Structures are given as structure tokens and as C-alpha cells.
Amino acid sequence: MSDEVRRPHLTDADCPTSMQSAIAVRDVSEEYAWLQGLECTCGGVGSFRLNVQALVQEEGSNFDALDCTCAQCGEQRSFFFNVDAVFAAYAALLRPGGGDRKP
């Protein structure tokens, strides 16, 4: 791996393990791409497997909560992503004339 490429690690302060540290995404596919690059504390890269995905609403914001398990060591973690931009894009599509725009 290049020195320029930094994989997210569970001990990083920016790991989205709460709604307060959630990563804002514009498309749900970004969540899965993030998981693919995630390094577990055991050293497994891309080893997290999704168990459950749920929409959580708190204080006017929308979050995807992804409950995952590391396939290598069995560690279970939850990751949070702010999906307000995803909701806004789909709301724009539902407005009159909105079908002309892509989310």
C-alpha cells in the first residue's frame, strides 16, 4: 500500500462509531466503499461484513447505522453515516419537475 493511501483504523478519532462522529455521505454506496477500506484492530483489511443496516433519526438528522462483524477475528462494531444529503436528493426528485435531476 502506498504511503499516500491511509486506511481508516478502528482506533482513529474519525472512525464513525457514534452519531456524533458519523461520516456524511451523498450516496449509500459510499458507506460500503468505506467499509471495504476499513482496517480492523486485528489487521484485517476489508474484513468487516454487514449484519444489519438500520435508519436512525435523531435531532432532525438521518443516519444509517451499520452493525458489522470482522470476518477475521469476530469483533463486532457499529458504524454511523449521516445520510441527510441522500434524503435531500430524493426529496428534490419528488418535487414537481424534480424528475429531470439525478440524485
PDB file of N, CA and C in Angstrom:
ATOM      1  N   MET A   1       0.847  -1.176   0.000  1.00  0.00           N
ATOM      2  CA  MET A   1       0.000   0.000   0.000  1.00  0.00           C
ATOM      3  C   MET A   1       0.888   1.234   0.000  1.00  0.00           C
ATOM      4  N   SER A   2       0.526   2.210  -0.775  1.00  0.00           N
ATOM      5  CA  SER A   2       1.274   3.456  -0.874  1.00  0.00           C
ATOM      6  C   SER A   2       1.199   4.224   0.434  1.00  0.00           C
ATOM      7  N   ASP A   3       2.239   4.997   0.729  1.00  0.00           N
ATOM      8  CA  ASP A   3       2.229   5.828   1.932  1.00  0.00           C
ATOM      9  C   ASP A   3       1.155   6.898   1.849  1.00  0.00           C
ATOM     10  N   GLU A   4       0.752   7.267   0.627  1.00  0.00           N
ATOM     11  CA  GLU A   4      -0.263   8.301   0.448  1.00  0.00           C
ATOM     12  C   GLU A   4      -1.664   7.794   0.768  1.00  0.00           C
ATOM     13  N   VAL A   5      -1.866   6.487   0.680  1.00  0.00           N
ATOM     14  CA  VAL A   5      -3.186   5.905   0.942  1.00  0.00           C
ATOM     15  C   VAL A   5      -3.253   5.521   2.410  1.00  0.00           C
ATOM     16  N   ARG A   6      -4.223   6.088   3.112  1.00  0.00           N
ATOM     17  CA  ARG A   6      -4.373   5.804   4.530  1.00  0.00           C
ATOM     18  C   ARG A   6      -5.706   5.116   4.753  1.00  0.00           C
ATOM     19  N   ARG A   7      -5.667   3.924   5.261  1.00  0.00           N
ATOM     20  CA  ARG A   7      -6.898   3.203   5.532  1.00  0.00           C
ATOM     21  C   ARG A   7      -7.427   3.595   6.909  1.00  0.00           C
ATOM     22  N   PRO A   8      -8.760   3.757   7.040  1.00  0.00           N
ATOM     23  CA  PRO A   8      -9.308   4.069   8.355  1.00  0.00           C
ATOM     24  C   PRO A   8      -9.066   2.899   9.303  1.00  0.00           C
ATOM     25  N   HIS A   9      -8.723   3.185  10.526  1.00  0.00           N
ATOM     26  CA  HIS A   9      -8.443   2.160  11.542  1.00  0.00           C
ATOM     27  C   HIS A   9      -9.363   2.404  12.722  1.00  0.00           C
ATOM     28  N   LEU A  10      -9.780   1.358  13.387  1.00  0.00           N
ATOM     29  CA  LEU A  10     -10.749   1.495  14.466  1.00  0.00           C
ATOM     30  C   LEU A  10     -10.306   2.396  15.601  1.00  0.00           C
ATOM     31  N   THR A  11      -9.009   2.599  15.764  1.00  0.00           N
ATOM     32  CA  THR A  11      -8.552   3.461  16.844  1.00  0.00           C
ATOM     33  C   THR A  11      -8.478   4.921  16.422  1.00  0.00           C
ATOM     34  N   ASP A  12      -8.724   5.225  15.154  1.00  0.00           N
ATOM     35  CA  ASP A  12      -8.696   6.606  14.692  1.00  0.00           C
ATOM     36  C   ASP A  12      -9.846   7.395  15.310  1.00  0.00           C
ATOM     37  N   ALA A  13      -9.579   8.645  15.619  1.00  0.00           N
ATOM     38  CA  ALA A  13     -10.598   9.516  16.201  1.00  0.00           C
ATOM     39  C   ALA A  13     -11.751   9.761  15.234  1.00  0.00           C
ATOM     40  N   ASP A  14     -11.503   9.632  13.918  1.00  0.00           N
ATOM     41  CA  ASP A  14     -12.548   9.915  12.941  1.00  0.00           C
ATOM     42  C   ASP A  14     -13.363   8.682  12.549  1.00  0.00           C
ATOM     43  N   CYS A  15     -13.186   7.593  13.233  1.00  0.00           N
ATOM     44  CA  CYS A  15     -13.968   6.391  12.948  1.00  0.00           C
ATOM     45  C   CYS A  15     -15.415   6.647  13.380  1.00  0.00           C
ATOM     46  N   PRO A  16     -16.388   6.444  12.492  1.00  0.00           N
ATOM     47  CA  PRO A  16     -17.775   6.819  12.777  1.00  0.00           C
ATOM     48  C   PRO A  16     -18.517   5.820  13.665  1.00  0.00           C
ATOM     49  N   THR A  17     -18.118   5.730  14.922  1.00  0.00           N
ATOM     50  CA  THR A  17     -18.729   4.759  15.831  1.00  0.00           C
ATOM     51  C   THR A  17     -19.851   5.358  16.670  1.00  0.00           C
ATOM     52  N   SER A  18     -20.270   6.579  16.341  1.00  0.00           N
ATOM     53  CA  SER A  18     -21.409   7.204  17.019  1.00  0.00           C
ATOM     54  C   SER A  18     -22.058   8.179  16.045  1.00  0.00           C
ATOM     55  N   MET A  19     -23.256   8.634  16.376  1.00  0.00           N
ATOM     56  CA  MET A  19     -23.913   9.613  15.509  1.00  0.00           C
ATOM     57  C   MET A  19     -23.148  10.935  15.522  1.00  0.00           C
ATOM     58  N   GLN A  20     -22.467  11.234  16.623  1.00  0.00           N
ATOM     59  CA  GLN A  20     -21.689  12.469  16.719  1.00  0.00           C
ATOM     60  C   GLN A  20     -20.467  12.437  15.795  1.00  0.00           C
ATOM     61  N   SER A  21     -19.935  11.255  15.516  1.00  0.00           N
ATOM     62  CA  SER A  21     -18.757  11.148  14.651  1.00  0.00           C
ATOM     63  C   SER A  21     -19.104  10.594  13.267  1.00  0.00           C
ATOM     64  N   ALA A  22     -20.399  10.569  12.942  1.00  0.00           N
ATOM     65  CA  ALA A  22     -20.856   9.999  11.668  1.00  0.00           C
ATOM     66  C   ALA A  22     -20.219  10.702  10.477  1.00  0.00           C
ATOM     67  N   ILE A  23     -19.925   9.931   9.456  1.00  0.00           N
ATOM     68  CA  ILE A  23     -19.389  10.461   8.205  1.00  0.00           C
ATOM     69  C   ILE A  23     -20.567  10.814   7.300  1.00  0.00           C
ATOM     70  N   ALA A  24     -20.558  12.037   6.778  1.00  0.00           N
ATOM     71  CA  ALA A  24     -21.620  12.462   5.864  1.00  0.00           C
ATOM     72  C   ALA A  24     -21.349  11.870   4.482  1.00  0.00           C
ATOM     73  N   VAL A  25     -22.369  11.257   3.903  1.00  0.00           N
ATOM     74  CA  VAL A  25     -22.254  10.668   2.571  1.00  0.00           C
ATOM     75  C   VAL A  25     -23.330  11.253   1.663  1.00  0.00           C
ATOM     76  N   ARG A  26     -23.063  11.222   0.357  1.00  0.00           N
ATOM     77  CA  ARG A  26     -24.040  11.685  -0.637  1.00  0.00           C
ATOM     78  C   ARG A  26     -24.768  10.529  -1.293  1.00  0.00           C
ATOM     79  N   ASP A  27     -24.205   9.325  -1.129  1.00  0.00           N
ATOM     80  CA  ASP A  27     -24.778   8.125  -1.718  1.00  0.00           C
ATOM     81  C   ASP A  27     -24.472   6.957  -0.783  1.00  0.00           C
ATOM     82  N   VAL A  28     -25.414   6.053  -0.658  1.00  0.00           N
ATOM     83  CA  VAL A  28     -25.243   4.917   0.252  1.00  0.00           C
ATOM     84  C   VAL A  28     -24.050   4.052  -0.160  1.00  0.00           C
ATOM     85  N   SER A  29     -23.715   4.028  -1.428  1.00  0.00           N
ATOM     86  CA  SER A  29     -22.575   3.225  -1.876  1.00  0.00           C
ATOM     87  C   SER A  29     -21.268   3.683  -1.220  1.00  0.00           C
ATOM     88  N   GLU A  30     -21.205   4.949  -0.812  1.00  0.00           N
ATOM     89  CA  GLU A  30     -20.015   5.446  -0.125  1.00  0.00           C
ATOM     90  C   GLU A  30     -19.796   4.726   1.204  1.00  0.00           C
ATOM     91  N   GLU A  31     -20.877   4.330   1.858  1.00  0.00           N
ATOM     92  CA  GLU A  31     -20.777   3.603   3.128  1.00  0.00           C
ATOM     93  C   GLU A  31     -20.057   2.271   2.913  1.00  0.00           C
ATOM     94  N   TYR A  32     -20.454   1.560   1.871  1.00  0.00           N
ATOM     95  CA  TYR A  32     -19.868   0.248   1.598  1.00  0.00           C
ATOM     96  C   TYR A  32     -18.413   0.377   1.145  1.00  0.00           C
ATOM     97  N   ALA A  33     -18.119   1.424   0.385  1.00  0.00           N
ATOM     98  CA  ALA A  33     -16.731   1.667  -0.020  1.00  0.00           C
ATOM     99  C   ALA A  33     -15.875   1.947   1.214  1.00  0.00           C
ATOM    100  N   TRP A  34     -16.413   2.692   2.152  1.00  0.00           N
ATOM    101  CA  TRP A  34     -15.680   2.988   3.380  1.00  0.00           C
ATOM    102  C   TRP A  34     -15.394   1.696   4.146  1.00  0.00           C
ATOM    103  N   LEU A  35     -16.404   0.829   4.259  1.00  0.00           N
ATOM    104  CA  LEU A  35     -16.209  -0.449   4.964  1.00  0.00           C
ATOM    105  C   LEU A  35     -15.151  -1.310   4.287  1.00  0.00           C
ATOM    106  N   GLN A  36     -15.120  -1.299   2.960  1.00  0.00           N
ATOM    107  CA  GLN A  36     -14.143  -2.104   2.225  1.00  0.00           C
ATOM    108  C   GLN A  36     -12.710  -1.676   2.526  1.00  0.00           C
ATOM    109  N   GLY A  37     -12.514  -0.405   2.833  1.00  0.00           N
ATOM    110  CA  GLY A  37     -11.172   0.086   3.124  1.00  0.00           C
ATOM    111  C   GLY A  37     -10.814   0.077   4.590  1.00  0.00           C
ATOM    112  N   LEU A  38     -11.759  -0.283   5.433  1.00  0.00           N
ATOM    113  CA  LEU A  38     -11.551  -0.235   6.878  1.00  0.00           C
ATOM    114  C   LEU A  38     -10.619  -1.333   7.352  1.00  0.00           C
ATOM    115  N   GLU A  39      -9.681  -0.964   8.199  1.00  0.00           N
ATOM    116  CA  GLU A  39      -8.772  -1.937   8.808  1.00  0.00           C
ATOM    117  C   GLU A  39      -9.209  -2.201  10.239  1.00  0.00           C
ATOM    118  N   CYS A  40      -9.437  -3.448  10.570  1.00  0.00           N
ATOM    119  CA  CYS A  40      -9.802  -3.850  11.930  1.00  0.00           C
ATOM    120  C   CYS A  40      -8.554  -3.803  12.818  1.00  0.00           C
ATOM    121  N   THR A  41      -8.745  -3.765  14.112  1.00  0.00           N
ATOM    122  CA  THR A  41      -7.608  -3.768  15.036  1.00  0.00           C
ATOM    123  C   THR A  41      -6.799  -5.053  14.930  1.00  0.00           C
ATOM    124  N   CYS A  42      -7.393  -6.128  14.396  1.00  0.00           N
ATOM    125  CA  CYS A  42      -6.672  -7.394  14.232  1.00  0.00           C
ATOM    126  C   CYS A  42      -5.770  -7.366  12.992  1.00  0.00           C
ATOM    127  N   GLY A  43      -5.927  -6.320  12.160  1.00  0.00           N
ATOM    128  CA  GLY A  43      -5.123  -6.203  10.951  1.00  0.00           C
ATOM    129  C   GLY A  43      -5.867  -6.584   9.685  1.00  0.00           C
ATOM    130  N   GLY A  44      -7.063  -7.113   9.832  1.00  0.00           N
ATOM    131  CA  GLY A  44      -7.855  -7.487   8.658  1.00  0.00           C
ATOM    132  C   GLY A  44      -8.361  -6.254   7.925  1.00  0.00           C
ATOM    133  N   VAL A  45      -8.031  -6.145   6.653  1.00  0.00           N
ATOM    134  CA  VAL A  45      -8.462  -5.012   5.834  1.00  0.00           C
ATOM    135  C   VAL A  45      -9.630  -5.462   4.966  1.00  0.00           C
ATOM    136  N   GLY A  46     -10.706  -4.706   5.003  1.00  0.00           N
ATOM    137  CA  GLY A  46     -11.881  -5.059   4.215  1.00  0.00           C
ATOM    138  C   GLY A  46     -12.573  -6.305   4.732  1.00  0.00           C
ATOM    139  N   SER A  47     -12.355  -6.623   5.999  1.00  0.00           N
ATOM    140  CA  SER A  47     -12.887  -7.874   6.543  1.00  0.00           C
ATOM    141  C   SER A  47     -14.219  -7.701   7.270  1.00  0.00           C
ATOM    142  N   PHE A  48     -14.719  -6.452   7.372  1.00  0.00           N
ATOM    143  CA  PHE A  48     -15.995  -6.261   8.061  1.00  0.00           C
ATOM    144  C   PHE A  48     -17.152  -6.666   7.166  1.00  0.00           C
ATOM    145  N   ARG A  49     -18.051  -7.446   7.709  1.00  0.00           N
ATOM    146  CA  ARG A  49     -19.244  -7.919   6.992  1.00  0.00           C
ATOM    147  C   ARG A  49     -20.473  -7.311   7.651  1.00  0.00           C
ATOM    148  N   LEU A  50     -21.373  -6.830   6.838  1.00  0.00           N
ATOM    149  CA  LEU A  50     -22.587  -6.191   7.325  1.00  0.00           C
ATOM    150  C   LEU A  50     -23.549  -7.238   7.874  1.00  0.00           C
ATOM    151  N   ASN A  51     -24.011  -7.026   9.103  1.00  0.00           N
ATOM    152  CA  ASN A  51     -25.032  -7.881   9.706  1.00  0.00           C
ATOM    153  C   ASN A  51     -26.409  -7.248   9.561  1.00  0.00           C
ATOM    154  N   VAL A  52     -26.502  -5.971   9.957  1.00  0.00           N
ATOM    155  CA  VAL A  52     -27.777  -5.251   9.951  1.00  0.00           C
ATOM    156  C   VAL A  52     -27.519  -3.797   9.572  1.00  0.00           C
ATOM    157  N   GLN A  53     -28.406  -3.254   8.740  1.00  0.00           N
ATOM    158  CA  GLN A  53     -28.369  -1.827   8.419  1.00  0.00           C
ATOM    159  C   GLN A  53     -29.710  -1.250   8.807  1.00  0.00           C
ATOM    160  N   ALA A  54     -29.684  -0.126   9.550  1.00  0.00           N
ATOM    161  CA  ALA A  54     -30.927   0.479  10.016  1.00  0.00           C
ATOM    162  C   ALA A  54     -30.861   1.988   9.870  1.00  0.00           C
ATOM    163  N   LEU A  55     -32.007   2.584   9.592  1.00  0.00           N
ATOM    164  CA  LEU A  55     -32.116   4.034   9.549  1.00  0.00           C
ATOM    165  C   LEU A  55     -32.441   4.519  10.952  1.00  0.00           C
ATOM    166  N   VAL A  56     -31.665   5.491  11.437  1.00  0.00           N
ATOM    167  CA  VAL A  56     -31.874   6.067  12.766  1.00  0.00           C
ATOM    168  C   VAL A  56     -32.070   7.562  12.579  1.00  0.00           C
ATOM    169  N   GLN A  57     -33.119   8.095  13.188  1.00  0.00           N
ATOM    170  CA  GLN A  57     -33.369   9.531  13.103  1.00  0.00           C
ATOM    171  C   GLN A  57     -33.171  10.125  14.490  1.00  0.00           C
ATOM    172  N   GLU A  58     -32.355  11.188  14.542  1.00  0.00           N
ATOM    173  CA  GLU A  58     -32.090  11.841  15.820  1.00  0.00           C
ATOM    174  C   GLU A  58     -31.856  13.325  15.595  1.00  0.00           C
ATOM    175  N   GLU A  59     -32.563  14.139  16.375  1.00  0.00           N
ATOM    176  CA  GLU A  59     -32.422  15.594  16.349  1.00  0.00           C
ATOM    177  C   GLU A  59     -32.493  16.162  14.942  1.00  0.00           C
ATOM    178  N   GLY A  60     -33.455  15.667  14.150  1.00  0.00           N
ATOM    179  CA  GLY A  60     -33.685  16.185  12.813  1.00  0.00           C
ATOM    180  C   GLY A  60     -32.738  15.685  11.737  1.00  0.00           C
ATOM    181  N   SER A  61     -31.844  14.767  12.070  1.00  0.00           N
ATOM    182  CA  SER A  61     -30.927  14.206  11.086  1.00  0.00           C
ATOM    183  C   SER A  61     -31.198  12.720  10.888  1.00  0.00           C
ATOM    184  N   ASN A  62     -30.785  12.233   9.715  1.00  0.00           N
ATOM    185  CA  ASN A  62     -30.954  10.828   9.356  1.00  0.00           C
ATOM    186  C   ASN A  62     -29.593  10.151   9.301  1.00  0.00           C
ATOM    187  N   PHE A  63     -29.498   8.979   9.914  1.00  0.00           N
ATOM    188  CA  PHE A  63     -28.250   8.237   9.962  1.00  0.00           C
ATOM    189  C   PHE A  63     -28.493   6.798   9.549  1.00  0.00           C
ATOM    190  N   ASP A  64     -27.540   6.234   8.818  1.00  0.00           N
ATOM    191  CA  ASP A  64     -27.506   4.793   8.597  1.00  0.00           C
ATOM    192  C   ASP A  64     -26.597   4.220   9.667  1.00  0.00           C
ATOM    193  N   ALA A  65     -27.114   3.238  10.387  1.00  0.00           N
ATOM    194  CA  ALA A  65     -26.314   2.520  11.376  1.00  0.00           C
ATOM    195  C   ALA A  65     -26.010   1.151  10.797  1.00  0.00           C
ATOM    196  N   LEU A  66     -24.738   0.839  10.648  1.00  0.00           N
ATOM    197  CA  LEU A  66     -24.308  -0.441  10.084  1.00  0.00           C
ATOM    198  C   LEU A  66     -23.665  -1.268  11.187  1.00  0.00           C
ATOM    199  N   ASP A  67     -24.312  -2.362  11.559  1.00  0.00           N
ATOM    200  CA  ASP A  67     -23.755  -3.288  12.543  1.00  0.00           C
ATOM    201  C   ASP A  67     -22.976  -4.347  11.775  1.00  0.00           C
ATOM    202  N   CYS A  68     -21.680  -4.440  12.068  1.00  0.00           N
ATOM    203  CA  CYS A  68     -20.778  -5.289  11.299  1.00  0.00           C
ATOM    204  C   CYS A  68     -19.972  -6.215  12.196  1.00  0.00           C
ATOM    205  N   THR A  69     -19.451  -7.275  11.594  1.00  0.00           N
ATOM    206  CA  THR A  69     -18.568  -8.218  12.270  1.00  0.00           C
ATOM    207  C   THR A  69     -17.332  -8.419  11.411  1.00  0.00           C
ATOM    208  N   CYS A  70     -16.156  -8.401  12.052  1.00  0.00           N
ATOM    209  CA  CYS A  70     -14.913  -8.678  11.326  1.00  0.00           C
ATOM    210  C   CYS A  70     -14.859 -10.175  11.048  1.00  0.00           C
ATOM    211  N   ALA A  71     -14.740 -10.535   9.778  1.00  0.00           N
ATOM    212  CA  ALA A  71     -14.697 -11.942   9.380  1.00  0.00           C
ATOM    213  C   ALA A  71     -13.421 -12.625   9.857  1.00  0.00           C
ATOM    214  N   GLN A  72     -12.404 -11.836  10.152  1.00  0.00           N
ATOM    215  CA  GLN A  72     -11.125 -12.410  10.559  1.00  0.00           C
ATOM    216  C   GLN A  72     -11.073 -12.726  12.052  1.00  0.00           C
ATOM    217  N   CYS A  73     -11.566 -11.799  12.911  1.00  0.00           N
ATOM    218  CA  CYS A  73     -11.440 -12.010  14.362  1.00  0.00           C
ATOM    219  C   CYS A  73     -12.763 -12.068  15.101  1.00  0.00           C
ATOM    220  N   GLY A  74     -13.876 -11.705  14.430  1.00  0.00           N
ATOM    221  CA  GLY A  74     -15.190 -11.767  15.052  1.00  0.00           C
ATOM    222  C   GLY A  74     -15.586 -10.518  15.827  1.00  0.00           C
ATOM    223  N   GLU A  75     -14.734  -9.487  15.826  1.00  0.00           N
ATOM    224  CA  GLU A  75     -15.074  -8.249  16.539  1.00  0.00           C
ATOM    225  C   GLU A  75     -16.320  -7.633  15.934  1.00  0.00           C
ATOM    226  N   GLN A  76     -17.245  -7.205  16.791  1.00  0.00           N
ATOM    227  CA  GLN A  76     -18.477  -6.578  16.322  1.00  0.00           C
ATOM    228  C   GLN A  76     -18.405  -5.090  16.576  1.00  0.00           C
ATOM    229  N   ARG A  77     -18.755  -4.316  15.543  1.00  0.00           N
ATOM    230  CA  ARG A  77     -18.725  -2.858  15.639  1.00  0.00           C
ATOM    231  C   ARG A  77     -19.926  -2.281  14.915  1.00  0.00           C
ATOM    232  N   SER A  78     -20.320  -1.081  15.338  1.00  0.00           N
ATOM    233  CA  SER A  78     -21.361  -0.323  14.657  1.00  0.00           C
ATOM    234  C   SER A  78     -20.733   0.939  14.088  1.00  0.00           C
ATOM    235  N   PHE A  79     -21.123   1.281  12.864  1.00  0.00           N
ATOM    236  CA  PHE A  79     -20.611   2.465  12.190  1.00  0.00           C
ATOM    237  C   PHE A  79     -21.798   3.310  11.757  1.00  0.00           C
ATOM    238  N   PHE A  80     -21.637   4.630  11.835  1.00  0.00           N
ATOM    239  CA  PHE A  80     -22.727   5.553  11.545  1.00  0.00           C
ATOM    240  C   PHE A  80     -22.361   6.498  10.412  1.00  0.00           C
ATOM    241  N   PHE A  81     -23.342   6.725   9.533  1.00  0.00           N
ATOM    242  CA  PHE A  81     -23.168   7.605   8.393  1.00  0.00           C
ATOM    243  C   PHE A  81     -24.355   8.546   8.333  1.00  0.00           C
ATOM    244  N   ASN A  82     -24.081   9.844   8.183  1.00  0.00           N
ATOM    245  CA  ASN A  82     -25.139  10.835   8.061  1.00  0.00           C
ATOM    246  C   ASN A  82     -25.635  10.801   6.618  1.00  0.00           C
ATOM    247  N   VAL A  83     -26.914  10.517   6.433  1.00  0.00           N
ATOM    248  CA  VAL A  83     -27.487  10.383   5.087  1.00  0.00           C
ATOM    249  C   VAL A  83     -28.462  11.510   4.756  1.00  0.00           C
ATOM    250  N   ASP A  84     -28.309  12.661   5.419  1.00  0.00           N
ATOM    251  CA  ASP A  84     -29.187  13.796   5.132  1.00  0.00           C
ATOM    252  C   ASP A  84     -29.108  14.216   3.661  1.00  0.00           C
ATOM    253  N   ALA A  85     -27.917  14.192   3.063  1.00  0.00           N
ATOM    254  CA  ALA A  85     -27.773  14.581   1.654  1.00  0.00           C
ATOM    255  C   ALA A  85     -28.498  13.602   0.736  1.00  0.00           C
ATOM    256  N   VAL A  86     -28.502  12.341   1.097  1.00  0.00           N
ATOM    257  CA  VAL A  86     -29.216  11.326   0.314  1.00  0.00           C
ATOM    258  C   VAL A  86     -30.712  11.625   0.349  1.00  0.00           C
ATOM    259  N   PHE A  87     -31.224  11.920   1.545  1.00  0.00           N
ATOM    260  CA  PHE A  87     -32.640  12.245   1.691  1.00  0.00           C
ATOM    261  C   PHE A  87     -32.990  13.518   0.920  1.00  0.00           C
ATOM    262  N   ALA A  88     -32.117  14.522   0.966  1.00  0.00           N
ATOM    263  CA  ALA A  88     -32.370  15.783   0.260  1.00  0.00           C
ATOM    264  C   ALA A  88     -32.424  15.557  -1.247  1.00  0.00           C
ATOM    265  N   ALA A  89     -31.549  14.703  -1.768  1.00  0.00           N
ATOM    266  CA  ALA A  89     -31.536  14.428  -3.206  1.00  0.00           C
ATOM    267  C   ALA A  89     -32.830  13.754  -3.640  1.00  0.00           C
ATOM    268  N   TYR A  90     -33.302  12.811  -2.841  1.00  0.00           N
ATOM    269  CA  TYR A  90     -34.547  12.134  -3.203  1.00  0.00           C
ATOM    270  C   TYR A  90     -35.753  13.034  -3.014  1.00  0.00           C
ATOM    271  N   ALA A  91     -35.718  13.913  -2.025  1.00  0.00           N
ATOM    272  CA  ALA A  91     -36.811  14.870  -1.837  1.00  0.00           C
ATOM    273  C   ALA A  91     -36.898  15.802  -3.042  1.00  0.00           C
ATOM    274  N   ALA A  92     -35.738  16.191  -3.584  1.00  0.00           N
ATOM    275  CA  ALA A  92     -35.723  17.056  -4.768  1.00  0.00           C
ATOM    276  C   ALA A  92     -36.359  16.350  -5.960  1.00  0.00           C
ATOM    277  N   LEU A  93     -36.148  15.054  -6.063  1.00  0.00           N
ATOM    278  CA  LEU A  93     -36.747  14.295  -7.161  1.00  0.00           C
ATOM    279  C   LEU A  93     -38.264  14.243  -7.060  1.00  0.00           C
ATOM    280  N   LEU A  94     -38.778  14.290  -5.846  1.00  0.00           N
ATOM    281  CA  LEU A  94     -40.219  14.185  -5.634  1.00  0.00           C
ATOM    282  C   LEU A  94     -40.945  15.501  -5.856  1.00  0.00           C
ATOM    283  N   ARG A  95     -40.215  16.621  -5.882  1.00  0.00           N
ATOM    284  CA  ARG A  95     -40.838  17.919  -6.149  1.00  0.00           C
ATOM    285  C   ARG A  95     -41.233  17.987  -7.622  1.00  0.00           C
ATOM    286  N   PRO A  96     -42.257  18.773  -7.936  1.00  0.00           N
ATOM    287  CA  PRO A  96     -42.647  18.940  -9.334  1.00  0.00           C
ATOM    288  C   PRO A  96     -41.462  19.350 -10.198  1.00  0.00           C
ATOM    289  N   GLY A  97     -41.259  18.637 -11.288  1.00  0.00           N
ATOM    290  CA  GLY A  97     -40.139  18.905 -12.182  1.00  0.00           C
ATOM    291  C   GLY A  97     -38.833  18.302 -11.688  1.00  0.00           C
ATOM    292  N   GLY A  98     -38.857  17.651 -10.542  1.00  0.00           N
ATOM    293  CA  GLY A  98     -37.648  17.102  -9.960  1.00  0.00           C
ATOM    294  C   GLY A  98     -37.134  15.868 -10.670  1.00  0.00           C
ATOM    295  N   GLY A  99     -37.975  15.215 -11.456  1.00  0.00           N
ATOM    296  CA  GLY A  99     -37.557  14.026 -12.164  1.00  0.00           C
ATOM    297  C   GLY A  99     -36.515  14.289 -13.237  1.00  0.00           C
ATOM    298  N   ASP A 100     -36.317  15.578 -13.550  1.00  0.00           N
ATOM    299  CA  ASP A 100     -35.319  15.946 -14.548  1.00  0.00           C
ATOM    300  C   ASP A 100     -33.903  15.945 -13.990  1.00  0.00           C
ATOM    301  N   ARG A 101     -33.795  15.843 -12.658  1.00  0.00           N
ATOM    302  CA  ARG A 101     -32.479  15.873 -11.991  1.00  0.00           C
ATOM    303  C   ARG A 101     -32.152  14.502 -11.449  1.00  0.00           C
ATOM    304  N   LYS A 102     -30.871  14.198 -11.419  1.00  0.00           N
ATOM    305  CA  LYS A 102     -30.383  12.933 -10.885  1.00  0.00           C
ATOM    306  C   LYS A 102     -29.918  13.150  -9.445  1.00  0.00           C
ATOM    307  N   PRO A 103     -30.233  12.211  -8.515  1.00  0.00           N
ATOM    308  CA  PRO A 103     -29.811  12.421  -7.110  1.00  0.00           C
ATOM    309  C   PRO A 103     -28.308  12.409  -6.962  1.00  0.00           C
TER     310      PRO A 103
END
